[in-house]
N, C-alpha and C. Protein backbone atom coordinates (compact mmCIF):
# COMPACT_ATOMS: atom_id res chain seq x y z
N MET A 1 0.85 -1.23 -0.06
CA MET A 1 0.00 0.00 0.02
C MET A 1 0.91 1.23 0.01
N GLY A 2 2.01 1.19 0.64
CA GLY A 2 2.88 2.37 0.70
C GLY A 2 3.49 2.76 -0.59
N ALA A 3 3.73 1.72 -1.45
CA ALA A 3 4.30 2.00 -2.76
C ALA A 3 3.28 2.73 -3.62
N TYR A 4 2.01 2.43 -3.50
CA TYR A 4 0.96 3.11 -4.25
C TYR A 4 0.95 4.60 -3.85
N ALA A 5 0.93 4.84 -2.53
CA ALA A 5 0.89 6.23 -2.03
C ALA A 5 2.14 6.95 -2.43
N GLY A 6 3.27 6.33 -2.42
CA GLY A 6 4.53 6.95 -2.86
C GLY A 6 4.49 7.32 -4.28
N ALA A 7 3.96 6.43 -5.13
CA ALA A 7 3.82 6.68 -6.59
C ALA A 7 2.91 7.88 -6.83
N ILE A 8 1.83 7.91 -6.15
CA ILE A 8 0.92 9.04 -6.29
C ILE A 8 1.50 10.38 -5.85
N LEU A 9 2.06 10.37 -4.69
CA LEU A 9 2.73 11.54 -4.20
C LEU A 9 3.92 12.02 -5.02
N GLY A 10 4.71 11.03 -5.46
CA GLY A 10 5.83 11.34 -6.33
C GLY A 10 5.44 11.91 -7.70
N ASP A 11 4.32 11.38 -8.23
CA ASP A 11 3.87 11.85 -9.50
C ASP A 11 3.43 13.33 -9.47
N VAL A 12 2.96 13.79 -8.30
CA VAL A 12 2.57 15.20 -8.21
C VAL A 12 3.66 16.13 -8.69
N LEU A 13 4.88 15.87 -8.40
CA LEU A 13 5.96 16.68 -8.83
C LEU A 13 6.69 16.13 -10.06
N TYR A 14 6.79 14.83 -10.12
CA TYR A 14 7.60 14.20 -11.23
C TYR A 14 6.89 14.45 -12.59
N VAL A 15 5.62 14.18 -12.72
CA VAL A 15 4.93 14.27 -14.00
C VAL A 15 5.05 15.63 -14.64
N PRO A 16 4.67 16.70 -13.87
CA PRO A 16 4.82 18.08 -14.50
C PRO A 16 6.27 18.40 -14.87
N GLY A 17 7.19 17.95 -14.02
CA GLY A 17 8.63 18.20 -14.35
C GLY A 17 9.04 17.49 -15.60
N LYS A 18 8.64 16.25 -15.74
CA LYS A 18 9.04 15.47 -16.94
C LYS A 18 8.33 16.07 -18.20
N VAL A 19 7.09 16.45 -18.10
CA VAL A 19 6.39 17.02 -19.26
C VAL A 19 7.02 18.36 -19.66
N ILE A 20 7.43 19.23 -18.73
CA ILE A 20 8.07 20.45 -19.02
C ILE A 20 9.42 20.20 -19.67
N PHE A 21 10.22 19.28 -19.12
CA PHE A 21 11.53 18.91 -19.58
C PHE A 21 11.40 18.38 -21.06
N ALA A 22 10.44 17.50 -21.28
CA ALA A 22 10.27 16.89 -22.60
C ALA A 22 9.80 17.93 -23.61
N GLY A 23 8.92 18.86 -23.19
CA GLY A 23 8.51 19.91 -24.10
C GLY A 23 9.63 20.82 -24.54
N LEU A 24 10.42 21.22 -23.53
CA LEU A 24 11.59 22.03 -23.87
C LEU A 24 12.65 21.26 -24.71
N GLY A 25 12.74 19.94 -24.48
CA GLY A 25 13.63 19.13 -25.31
C GLY A 25 13.15 19.02 -26.75
N ALA A 26 11.82 18.93 -26.88
CA ALA A 26 11.19 18.78 -28.23
C ALA A 26 11.45 20.11 -29.06
N VAL A 27 11.31 21.26 -28.39
CA VAL A 27 11.55 22.55 -29.03
C VAL A 27 13.04 22.64 -29.39
N THR A 28 13.88 22.28 -28.40
CA THR A 28 15.35 22.41 -28.65
C THR A 28 15.76 21.48 -29.81
N SER A 29 15.16 20.30 -29.84
CA SER A 29 15.48 19.34 -30.92
C SER A 29 15.12 19.96 -32.29
N GLY A 30 13.92 20.58 -32.39
CA GLY A 30 13.56 21.19 -33.63
C GLY A 30 14.48 22.37 -33.98
N LEU A 31 14.84 23.17 -33.01
CA LEU A 31 15.77 24.27 -33.28
C LEU A 31 17.11 23.77 -33.73
N ALA A 32 17.55 22.69 -33.10
CA ALA A 32 18.88 22.08 -33.47
C ALA A 32 18.86 21.58 -34.93
N TYR A 33 17.72 21.04 -35.35
CA TYR A 33 17.56 20.60 -36.72
C TYR A 33 17.69 21.79 -37.70
N VAL A 34 17.05 22.90 -37.31
CA VAL A 34 17.10 24.01 -38.21
C VAL A 34 18.51 24.66 -38.22
N VAL A 35 19.07 24.88 -37.02
CA VAL A 35 20.38 25.48 -36.90
C VAL A 35 21.51 24.69 -37.55
N THR A 36 21.38 23.33 -37.47
CA THR A 36 22.44 22.54 -38.12
C THR A 36 22.12 22.19 -39.56
N LEU A 37 21.19 22.96 -40.11
CA LEU A 37 20.72 22.76 -41.55
C LEU A 37 20.35 21.35 -41.90
N GLY A 38 19.57 20.74 -41.00
CA GLY A 38 18.94 19.46 -41.25
C GLY A 38 19.72 18.24 -40.73
N ASN A 39 20.70 18.47 -39.81
CA ASN A 39 21.40 17.32 -39.23
C ASN A 39 20.51 16.56 -38.31
N SER A 40 19.97 15.46 -38.80
CA SER A 40 18.97 14.69 -38.02
C SER A 40 19.65 13.94 -36.89
N GLU A 41 20.91 13.64 -36.96
CA GLU A 41 21.62 12.99 -35.88
C GLU A 41 21.59 13.83 -34.60
N THR A 42 21.90 15.07 -34.77
CA THR A 42 21.97 15.99 -33.63
C THR A 42 20.57 16.16 -33.01
N SER A 43 19.60 16.40 -33.84
CA SER A 43 18.25 16.58 -33.31
C SER A 43 17.69 15.31 -32.72
N ALA A 44 18.03 14.13 -33.31
CA ALA A 44 17.55 12.89 -32.77
C ALA A 44 18.15 12.58 -31.41
N SER A 45 19.43 12.96 -31.21
CA SER A 45 20.06 12.68 -29.92
C SER A 45 19.42 13.57 -28.85
N ILE A 46 19.13 14.79 -29.14
CA ILE A 46 18.44 15.64 -28.22
C ILE A 46 17.04 15.11 -27.91
N TRP A 47 16.33 14.77 -28.91
CA TRP A 47 14.96 14.19 -28.75
C TRP A 47 15.01 12.95 -27.87
N SER A 48 15.89 12.06 -28.17
CA SER A 48 16.02 10.83 -27.38
C SER A 48 16.29 11.02 -25.90
N ALA A 49 17.21 11.98 -25.65
CA ALA A 49 17.64 12.23 -24.25
C ALA A 49 16.55 12.96 -23.46
N THR A 50 15.73 13.72 -24.10
CA THR A 50 14.76 14.53 -23.36
C THR A 50 13.29 14.02 -23.47
N VAL A 51 12.90 13.52 -24.55
CA VAL A 51 11.46 13.16 -24.74
C VAL A 51 11.15 11.75 -24.31
N GLU A 52 12.11 10.82 -24.57
CA GLU A 52 11.90 9.45 -24.19
C GLU A 52 12.17 9.27 -22.64
N GLY A 53 11.64 8.25 -22.09
CA GLY A 53 11.87 8.00 -20.65
C GLY A 53 10.57 7.72 -19.94
N THR A 54 10.60 7.68 -18.66
CA THR A 54 9.44 7.40 -17.81
C THR A 54 8.62 8.69 -17.54
N TYR A 55 7.36 8.62 -17.79
CA TYR A 55 6.52 9.75 -17.62
C TYR A 55 5.66 9.70 -16.35
N VAL A 56 5.38 8.49 -15.93
CA VAL A 56 4.46 8.25 -14.72
C VAL A 56 5.18 7.25 -13.79
N LEU A 57 5.30 7.60 -12.54
CA LEU A 57 5.84 6.62 -11.63
C LEU A 57 4.79 5.69 -11.16
N THR A 58 5.17 4.41 -11.07
CA THR A 58 4.30 3.30 -10.67
C THR A 58 4.83 2.75 -9.33
N PRO A 59 4.00 1.91 -8.68
CA PRO A 59 4.55 1.28 -7.49
C PRO A 59 5.85 0.46 -7.78
N ARG A 60 5.93 -0.10 -8.95
CA ARG A 60 7.11 -0.91 -9.28
C ARG A 60 8.38 0.02 -9.28
N HIS A 61 8.25 1.25 -9.71
CA HIS A 61 9.34 2.22 -9.69
C HIS A 61 9.72 2.49 -8.20
N ILE A 62 8.72 2.73 -7.40
CA ILE A 62 8.91 3.09 -6.00
C ILE A 62 9.54 1.90 -5.25
N GLU A 63 9.19 0.73 -5.56
CA GLU A 63 9.78 -0.46 -4.92
C GLU A 63 11.18 -0.86 -5.45
N GLY A 64 11.60 -0.19 -6.51
CA GLY A 64 12.94 -0.45 -7.06
C GLY A 64 12.96 -1.63 -8.02
N LYS A 65 11.79 -2.09 -8.44
CA LYS A 65 11.71 -3.25 -9.40
C LYS A 65 11.78 -2.88 -10.82
N GLU A 66 11.66 -1.55 -11.06
CA GLU A 66 11.75 -1.02 -12.45
C GLU A 66 12.48 0.35 -12.36
N PRO A 67 13.44 0.55 -13.26
CA PRO A 67 14.18 1.81 -13.16
C PRO A 67 13.39 3.01 -13.61
N ILE A 68 13.61 4.15 -12.99
CA ILE A 68 13.04 5.43 -13.41
C ILE A 68 13.99 6.00 -14.38
N ARG A 69 13.50 6.28 -15.61
CA ARG A 69 14.40 6.91 -16.56
C ARG A 69 13.87 8.32 -16.90
N PHE A 70 14.37 9.29 -16.18
CA PHE A 70 13.98 10.64 -16.50
C PHE A 70 14.52 11.07 -17.77
N PHE A 71 15.79 10.73 -18.08
CA PHE A 71 16.41 10.94 -19.40
C PHE A 71 16.25 9.70 -20.18
N GLY A 72 16.19 9.88 -21.52
CA GLY A 72 16.05 8.73 -22.40
C GLY A 72 17.27 7.82 -22.38
N PRO A 73 17.25 6.79 -23.20
CA PRO A 73 18.34 5.84 -23.23
C PRO A 73 19.69 6.40 -23.58
């Protein structure tokens, strides 16, 4: 039961933080694509690092059974 409460309480701060981070990363990825004149490798690496990852904490994350990936792979 504690892991469920921990996940809910953690998500109150984690989810908005991850969404803001991912949104800024998406914008930065697009800008990088334009600034580098279409270099998709640069923009893809920014996208992967910021947009991918865990968006919602679950009891499995709180219990340590599944990793929390704020940053992408």
